[in-house]
Amino acid sequence: MRVVSLVPPATEIICRLGLADLLVGVSHLCDFPAEVVASLPRVTRSAIPTDLLATELDWVLSTRLRRGDSLFTLDEAALISLAPDLIITQDLCDPGVASFDDVCVLAKRLPGNSQIVSLTMPDCDDTDYDVMTIAEAIGYPERGRRLRDQIRTRLARVQMTIAGRPRPKVVTLEWLDPPYTAGRLAAEIVRMAGGNELLSRADGHSVPVSWQQIHAVQPDVIVLLLAGHSAQAAERCWKTCQLPREWRAIPAIREQRVYTLDARPLSLRPSARMVDRIEQMAYLLHPTCFKEQCHA
C-alpha cells in the first residue's frame, strides 16, 4: 500500500505502528520521526513567509485566520505523481490542515482508486481512536490494538500517581509577543497531568492576553510551549520579556516554577507521543508525588 499523510499526527502514528515503509509522501509540517520524513516528498507548501519577526508573524497569521485562508496549499502535481492508495487527512474547518473538500476533488483525478481516511483528533482523549482508525485503514488492526493499549496503560499510571493531589493553578503560553493563552491541546495536557489551566478558553482557541491578566490570576506554575521553539529558544524569549515589577509576587515567579518546554517535535498535536508530554507535565506539576513513587 502507498500512503500519503497530510496530517502530522497520522504520520507519527503510522511510524509508531512500524509501518513507515508504506509512506510515500507527507505534509511539509510532518517533522517526526526526522529520520523517516526527511527523505519523503512533501505534498503541501506553507503559505506563510519564513523570514518574519514575531510581531509580523502574529499579524500575518491573524489576518489569514480572520479571512479564513488556509495556512498552506496542496501540491497537486506532487500528489498526482505519487499515486497513493490511501490519503489520510482531517475533516475539520481548520486553516492549519488541507481542506477535506480539496483533497476529495483532487483524489478523483489521481490514477487508480485512492481511498481517503479523515481523522477527527479534537483532543488527547481521542488519540487512541485515531490509532485504530489508521491501523484498520492500512490493514494492521492488531498493531493498532497493541499501541492503543500501551497508551492507555501509561495514561492510567499517571492518573493513579496524581490521584487526590491538589491541582496547581497553571498558565500555559503558546506565544509571548504578544502573550497568547494555551489552545485546546495544551490545556488538555495540563488537565490530564493534574493541573488547572486558568486562561484557556472553552472554545479551545488560543487568544492574546495582557500581562496584567496573567498577573491577576496568580498562577502557581507558568508553562511556555512557544510554537515552533525549542526549550532553549523559549527560555531566551522569556528572559528578554520586560515584566512588570509586581510580577515578583506571582507564586510561579516567586517559587521559580516557570518551565520552558520544547514545542517543536510536539507542535501541540494529538499524536501517539502525546502521552510523553502528559507524563513530562505531570512530573513538573507534581514533582513530590513522582519522587515518592520512585522511593516506594
Protein backbone atom coordinates (compact mmCIF):
# COMPACT_ATOMS: atom_id res chain seq x y z
CA MET A 1 0.00 0.00 0.00
CA ARG A 2 1.16 3.51 -0.85
CA VAL A 3 0.16 6.00 1.86
CA VAL A 4 0.22 9.81 1.84
CA SER A 5 -0.28 11.54 5.20
CA LEU A 6 -1.43 15.16 5.19
CA VAL A 7 -1.68 15.26 8.99
CA PRO A 8 1.48 15.20 11.17
CA PRO A 9 -0.13 13.12 13.97
CA ALA A 10 -1.11 10.48 11.42
CA THR A 11 2.47 10.33 10.17
CA GLU A 12 3.70 9.78 13.72
CA ILE A 13 1.10 7.09 14.39
CA ILE A 14 2.00 5.21 11.20
CA CYS A 15 5.64 5.18 12.24
CA ARG A 16 4.78 4.09 15.79
CA LEU A 17 2.85 1.19 14.25
CA GLY A 18 6.06 0.12 12.49
CA LEU A 19 4.63 0.91 9.05
CA ALA A 20 6.86 3.80 7.98
CA ASP A 21 7.89 1.93 4.84
CA LEU A 22 4.35 2.40 3.49
CA LEU A 23 4.62 6.20 3.49
CA VAL A 24 5.32 7.73 0.08
CA GLY A 25 4.50 11.37 0.85
CA VAL A 26 3.80 13.70 3.79
CA SER A 27 2.87 17.29 4.52
CA HIS A 28 5.52 19.98 4.97
CA LEU A 29 4.59 20.08 8.69
CA CYS A 30 5.49 16.43 9.27
CA ASP A 31 8.72 16.55 11.24
CA PHE A 32 8.79 13.33 13.29
CA PRO A 33 10.43 10.90 13.20
CA ALA A 34 13.02 13.01 11.41
CA GLU A 35 14.97 10.06 10.04
CA VAL A 36 11.84 8.88 8.22
CA VAL A 37 10.20 12.08 6.99
CA ALA A 38 13.41 13.82 5.88
CA SER A 39 13.60 11.77 2.68
CA LEU A 40 9.89 11.75 1.81
CA PRO A 41 8.29 14.03 -0.82
CA ARG A 42 6.27 16.95 0.57
CA VAL A 43 2.81 17.40 -0.91
CA THR A 44 1.92 20.66 0.85
CA ARG A 45 3.60 24.06 0.99
CA SER A 46 3.45 26.84 3.57
CA ALA A 47 1.60 29.99 2.56
CA ILE A 48 3.44 31.98 5.26
CA PRO A 49 6.85 33.66 4.65
CA THR A 50 9.59 32.15 6.80
CA ASP A 51 11.63 35.32 7.47
CA LEU A 52 9.13 37.29 9.57
CA LEU A 53 9.71 38.81 13.00
CA ALA A 54 7.46 37.65 15.84
CA THR A 55 5.17 40.69 15.61
CA GLU A 56 4.99 40.43 11.80
CA LEU A 57 4.21 36.72 12.00
CA ASP A 58 1.43 37.40 14.50
CA TRP A 59 -0.12 39.97 12.14
CA VAL A 60 0.10 37.72 9.06
CA LEU A 61 -1.35 34.71 10.89
CA SER A 62 -4.14 36.75 12.46
CA THR A 63 -5.07 38.28 9.11
CA ARG A 64 -5.19 34.97 7.25
CA LEU A 65 -7.13 33.24 10.02
CA ARG A 66 -9.62 36.12 10.19
CA ARG A 67 -10.24 35.79 6.44
CA GLY A 68 -10.50 32.01 6.71
CA ASP A 69 -7.47 31.49 4.46
CA SER A 70 -5.51 28.25 4.70
CA LEU A 71 -2.01 28.36 6.11
CA PHE A 72 -0.71 26.06 3.39
CA THR A 73 -1.55 24.74 -0.07
CA LEU A 74 -1.65 21.34 -1.73
CA ASP A 75 0.98 20.47 -4.33
CA GLU A 76 -1.35 18.77 -6.77
CA ALA A 77 1.37 17.72 -9.21
CA ALA A 78 3.38 16.03 -6.46
CA LEU A 79 0.34 14.22 -5.09
CA ILE A 80 -0.73 13.00 -8.54
CA SER A 81 2.78 11.71 -9.28
CA LEU A 82 2.81 9.65 -6.06
CA ALA A 83 -0.40 7.76 -7.00
CA PRO A 84 -1.31 6.88 -3.39
CA ASP A 85 -3.67 4.08 -2.47
CA LEU A 86 -4.56 5.84 0.79
CA ILE A 87 -4.64 9.53 1.73
CA ILE A 88 -5.01 10.47 5.39
CA THR A 89 -6.39 13.92 6.14
CA GLN A 90 -8.73 15.76 8.54
CA ASP A 91 -12.38 16.67 8.04
CA LEU A 92 -12.27 19.86 10.10
CA CYS A 93 -12.80 23.55 9.36
CA ASP A 94 -9.19 24.19 10.26
CA PRO A 95 -6.97 26.53 8.22
CA GLY A 96 -3.96 24.61 9.52
CA VAL A 97 -4.82 21.49 7.52
CA ALA A 98 -5.60 20.81 3.89
CA SER A 99 -9.25 21.30 3.00
CA PHE A 100 -11.07 17.98 3.07
CA ASP A 101 -13.14 19.05 0.07
CA ASP A 102 -9.99 19.99 -1.86
CA VAL A 103 -8.48 16.57 -1.12
CA CYS A 104 -11.64 14.79 -2.27
CA VAL A 105 -11.73 16.76 -5.53
CA LEU A 106 -8.06 16.08 -6.19
CA ALA A 107 -8.41 12.38 -5.36
CA LYS A 108 -10.81 11.97 -8.28
CA ARG A 109 -8.00 12.97 -10.65
CA LEU A 110 -5.48 10.54 -9.19
CA PRO A 111 -4.59 7.32 -11.03
CA GLY A 112 -6.23 4.24 -9.57
CA ASN A 113 -8.82 4.41 -6.81
CA SER A 114 -7.37 6.35 -3.88
CA GLN A 115 -9.10 5.85 -0.54
CA ILE A 116 -9.43 8.85 1.78
CA VAL A 117 -9.43 8.45 5.55
CA SER A 118 -10.42 11.51 7.54
CA LEU A 119 -9.45 11.90 11.20
CA THR A 120 -11.10 13.99 13.90
CA MET A 121 -8.36 14.33 16.55
CA PRO A 122 -10.04 17.03 18.64
CA ASP A 123 -8.27 16.30 21.91
CA CYS A 124 -5.98 13.97 23.83
CA ASP A 125 -8.73 11.53 24.78
CA ASP A 126 -9.36 10.59 21.13
CA THR A 127 -5.76 9.78 20.24
CA ASP A 128 -6.21 6.04 20.66
CA TYR A 129 -9.33 6.21 18.46
CA ASP A 130 -7.22 7.63 15.64
CA VAL A 131 -4.64 4.91 16.22
CA MET A 132 -7.29 2.31 15.47
CA THR A 133 -8.73 4.25 12.53
CA ILE A 134 -5.31 4.40 10.88
CA ALA A 135 -4.30 0.85 11.75
CA GLU A 136 -7.54 -0.59 10.36
CA ALA A 137 -7.37 1.52 7.19
CA ILE A 138 -3.86 0.24 6.46
CA GLY A 139 -4.79 -3.33 7.35
CA TYR A 140 -2.93 -3.89 10.63
CA PRO A 141 -5.58 -3.70 13.39
CA GLU A 142 -3.62 -5.92 15.76
CA ARG A 143 -0.74 -3.42 15.79
CA GLY A 144 -3.24 -0.66 16.47
CA ARG A 145 -4.66 -2.50 19.46
CA ARG A 146 -1.20 -3.01 20.94
CA LEU A 147 -0.30 0.67 20.58
CA ARG A 148 -3.70 1.78 21.90
CA ASP A 149 -3.32 -0.41 24.98
CA GLN A 150 0.19 0.90 25.63
CA ILE A 151 -1.09 4.50 25.53
CA ARG A 152 -3.99 3.72 27.84
CA THR A 153 -1.73 1.93 30.34
CA ARG A 154 0.69 4.85 30.57
CA LEU A 155 -2.13 7.39 30.97
CA ALA A 156 -3.71 5.27 33.69
CA ARG A 157 -0.37 5.17 35.53
CA VAL A 158 -0.19 8.98 35.50
CA GLN A 159 -3.74 9.27 36.82
CA MET A 160 -3.04 6.82 39.65
CA THR A 161 0.11 8.72 40.66
CA ILE A 162 -1.58 12.13 40.90
CA ALA A 163 -4.92 10.91 42.26
CA GLY A 164 -6.13 13.03 45.18
CA ARG A 165 -3.37 15.64 44.83
CA PRO A 166 -4.21 19.37 44.82
CA ARG A 167 -4.32 20.75 41.30
CA PRO A 168 -1.87 23.67 40.89
CA LYS A 169 -3.06 26.77 39.04
CA VAL A 170 -1.35 26.92 35.66
CA VAL A 171 -0.98 29.47 32.88
CA THR A 172 0.31 27.99 29.64
CA LEU A 173 1.53 30.36 26.93
CA GLU A 174 1.98 29.47 23.27
CA TRP A 175 3.43 32.87 22.29
CA LEU A 176 5.00 35.82 24.12
CA ASP A 177 4.92 38.78 21.74
CA PRO A 178 2.07 39.34 22.45
CA PRO A 179 1.24 36.65 25.06
CA TYR A 180 -1.17 34.01 23.76
CA THR A 181 -3.07 31.64 26.02
CA ALA A 182 -2.99 27.88 25.69
CA GLY A 183 -5.01 26.36 22.89
CA ARG A 184 -7.15 23.30 23.35
CA LEU A 185 -4.41 20.67 23.26
CA ALA A 186 -2.03 22.48 25.61
CA ALA A 187 -4.88 22.96 28.07
CA GLU A 188 -5.78 19.27 27.74
CA ILE A 189 -2.20 18.27 28.53
CA VAL A 190 -2.31 20.37 31.69
CA ARG A 191 -5.68 18.93 32.70
CA MET A 192 -4.61 15.31 32.18
CA ALA A 193 -1.36 15.99 34.05
CA GLY A 194 -3.26 17.17 37.12
CA GLY A 195 -3.25 20.95 36.69
CA ASN A 196 -5.91 23.65 36.44
CA GLU A 197 -5.32 25.80 33.34
CA LEU A 198 -6.55 29.29 34.22
CA LEU A 199 -6.80 31.24 30.97
CA SER A 200 -7.69 28.69 28.30
CA ARG A 201 -11.00 29.36 26.54
CA ALA A 202 -13.93 26.98 26.45
CA ASP A 203 -13.90 27.01 22.64
CA GLY A 204 -10.27 25.88 22.63
CA HIS A 205 -8.86 28.82 20.68
CA SER A 206 -5.53 30.37 21.63
CA VAL A 207 -6.08 34.12 22.08
CA PRO A 208 -3.91 37.11 23.04
CA VAL A 209 -3.97 38.27 26.67
CA SER A 210 -2.25 41.04 28.60
CA TRP A 211 0.49 40.63 31.19
CA GLN A 212 -1.95 42.19 33.65
CA GLN A 213 -4.48 39.41 33.02
CA ILE A 214 -1.85 36.79 33.76
CA HIS A 215 -0.82 38.61 36.94
CA ALA A 216 -4.44 38.83 38.08
CA VAL A 217 -4.95 35.04 38.19
CA GLN A 218 -1.77 34.45 40.26
CA PRO A 219 -0.65 31.13 38.73
CA ASP A 220 1.35 28.60 40.74
CA VAL A 221 3.06 27.44 37.54
CA ILE A 222 3.76 29.10 34.18
CA VAL A 223 4.48 26.81 31.24
CA LEU A 224 5.93 28.12 27.99
CA LEU A 225 5.12 25.98 24.96
CA LEU A 226 6.08 28.50 22.31
CA ALA A 227 5.01 27.31 18.87
CA GLY A 228 7.98 26.15 16.81
CA HIS A 229 10.50 26.88 19.59
CA SER A 230 12.90 24.60 21.40
CA ALA A 231 13.02 24.80 25.19
CA GLN A 232 16.25 26.79 24.95
CA ALA A 233 14.80 29.25 22.43
CA ALA A 234 11.69 29.69 24.58
CA GLU A 235 13.87 30.41 27.61
CA ARG A 236 15.78 33.08 25.68
CA CYS A 237 12.47 34.69 24.67
CA TRP A 238 11.29 34.64 28.27
CA LYS A 239 14.45 36.29 29.55
CA THR A 240 14.01 39.20 27.15
CA CYS A 241 10.45 39.93 28.32
CA GLN A 242 10.08 43.20 30.21
CA LEU A 243 7.82 42.06 33.03
CA PRO A 244 6.12 44.49 35.43
CA ARG A 245 7.69 44.76 38.87
CA GLU A 246 4.55 43.42 40.55
CA TRP A 247 5.13 40.08 38.83
CA ARG A 248 7.65 39.26 41.55
CA ALA A 249 4.70 38.47 43.82
CA ILE A 250 3.22 35.85 41.46
CA PRO A 251 3.66 32.39 43.06
CA ALA A 252 5.13 30.90 39.87
CA ILE A 253 7.79 33.65 39.72
CA ARG A 254 8.46 33.67 43.46
CA GLU A 255 8.88 29.89 43.60
CA GLN A 256 10.80 29.72 40.29
CA ARG A 257 8.21 27.49 38.67
CA VAL A 258 8.37 28.84 35.13
CA TYR A 259 9.05 25.93 32.78
CA THR A 260 10.04 26.11 29.11
CA LEU A 261 9.26 23.02 27.03
CA ASP A 262 10.22 22.03 23.52
CA ALA A 263 7.25 22.68 21.24
CA ARG A 264 8.99 21.75 18.01
CA PRO A 265 8.55 17.96 17.97
CA LEU A 266 5.14 18.16 19.59
CA SER A 267 3.68 21.12 17.73
CA LEU A 268 0.74 20.66 20.08
CA ARG A 269 -0.59 17.76 18.08
CA PRO A 270 -2.64 14.83 19.41
CA SER A 271 -0.29 12.10 18.24
CA ALA A 272 0.69 8.86 19.93
CA ARG A 273 3.54 10.83 21.54
CA MET A 274 1.07 13.00 23.46
CA VAL A 275 1.43 10.65 26.42
CA ASP A 276 5.15 11.58 26.59
CA ARG A 277 4.23 15.23 27.13
CA ILE A 278 1.49 14.40 29.64
CA GLU A 279 3.99 12.40 31.69
CA GLN A 280 6.50 15.25 31.48
CA MET A 281 3.89 17.83 32.50
CA ALA A 282 2.66 15.69 35.39
CA TYR A 283 6.19 15.46 36.76
CA LEU A 284 6.59 19.26 36.58
CA LEU A 285 3.24 19.91 38.26
CA HIS A 286 3.57 17.18 40.90
CA PRO A 287 7.29 16.56 41.44
CA THR A 288 6.86 15.40 45.04
CA CYS A 289 4.47 12.55 44.30
CA PHE A 290 6.64 11.23 41.47
CA LYS A 291 9.68 11.29 43.77
CA GLU A 292 7.63 9.41 46.35
CA GLN A 293 6.74 6.86 43.71
CA CYS A 294 10.43 6.36 42.85
CA HIS A 295 11.28 5.74 46.50
CA ALA A 296 8.34 3.39 47.09
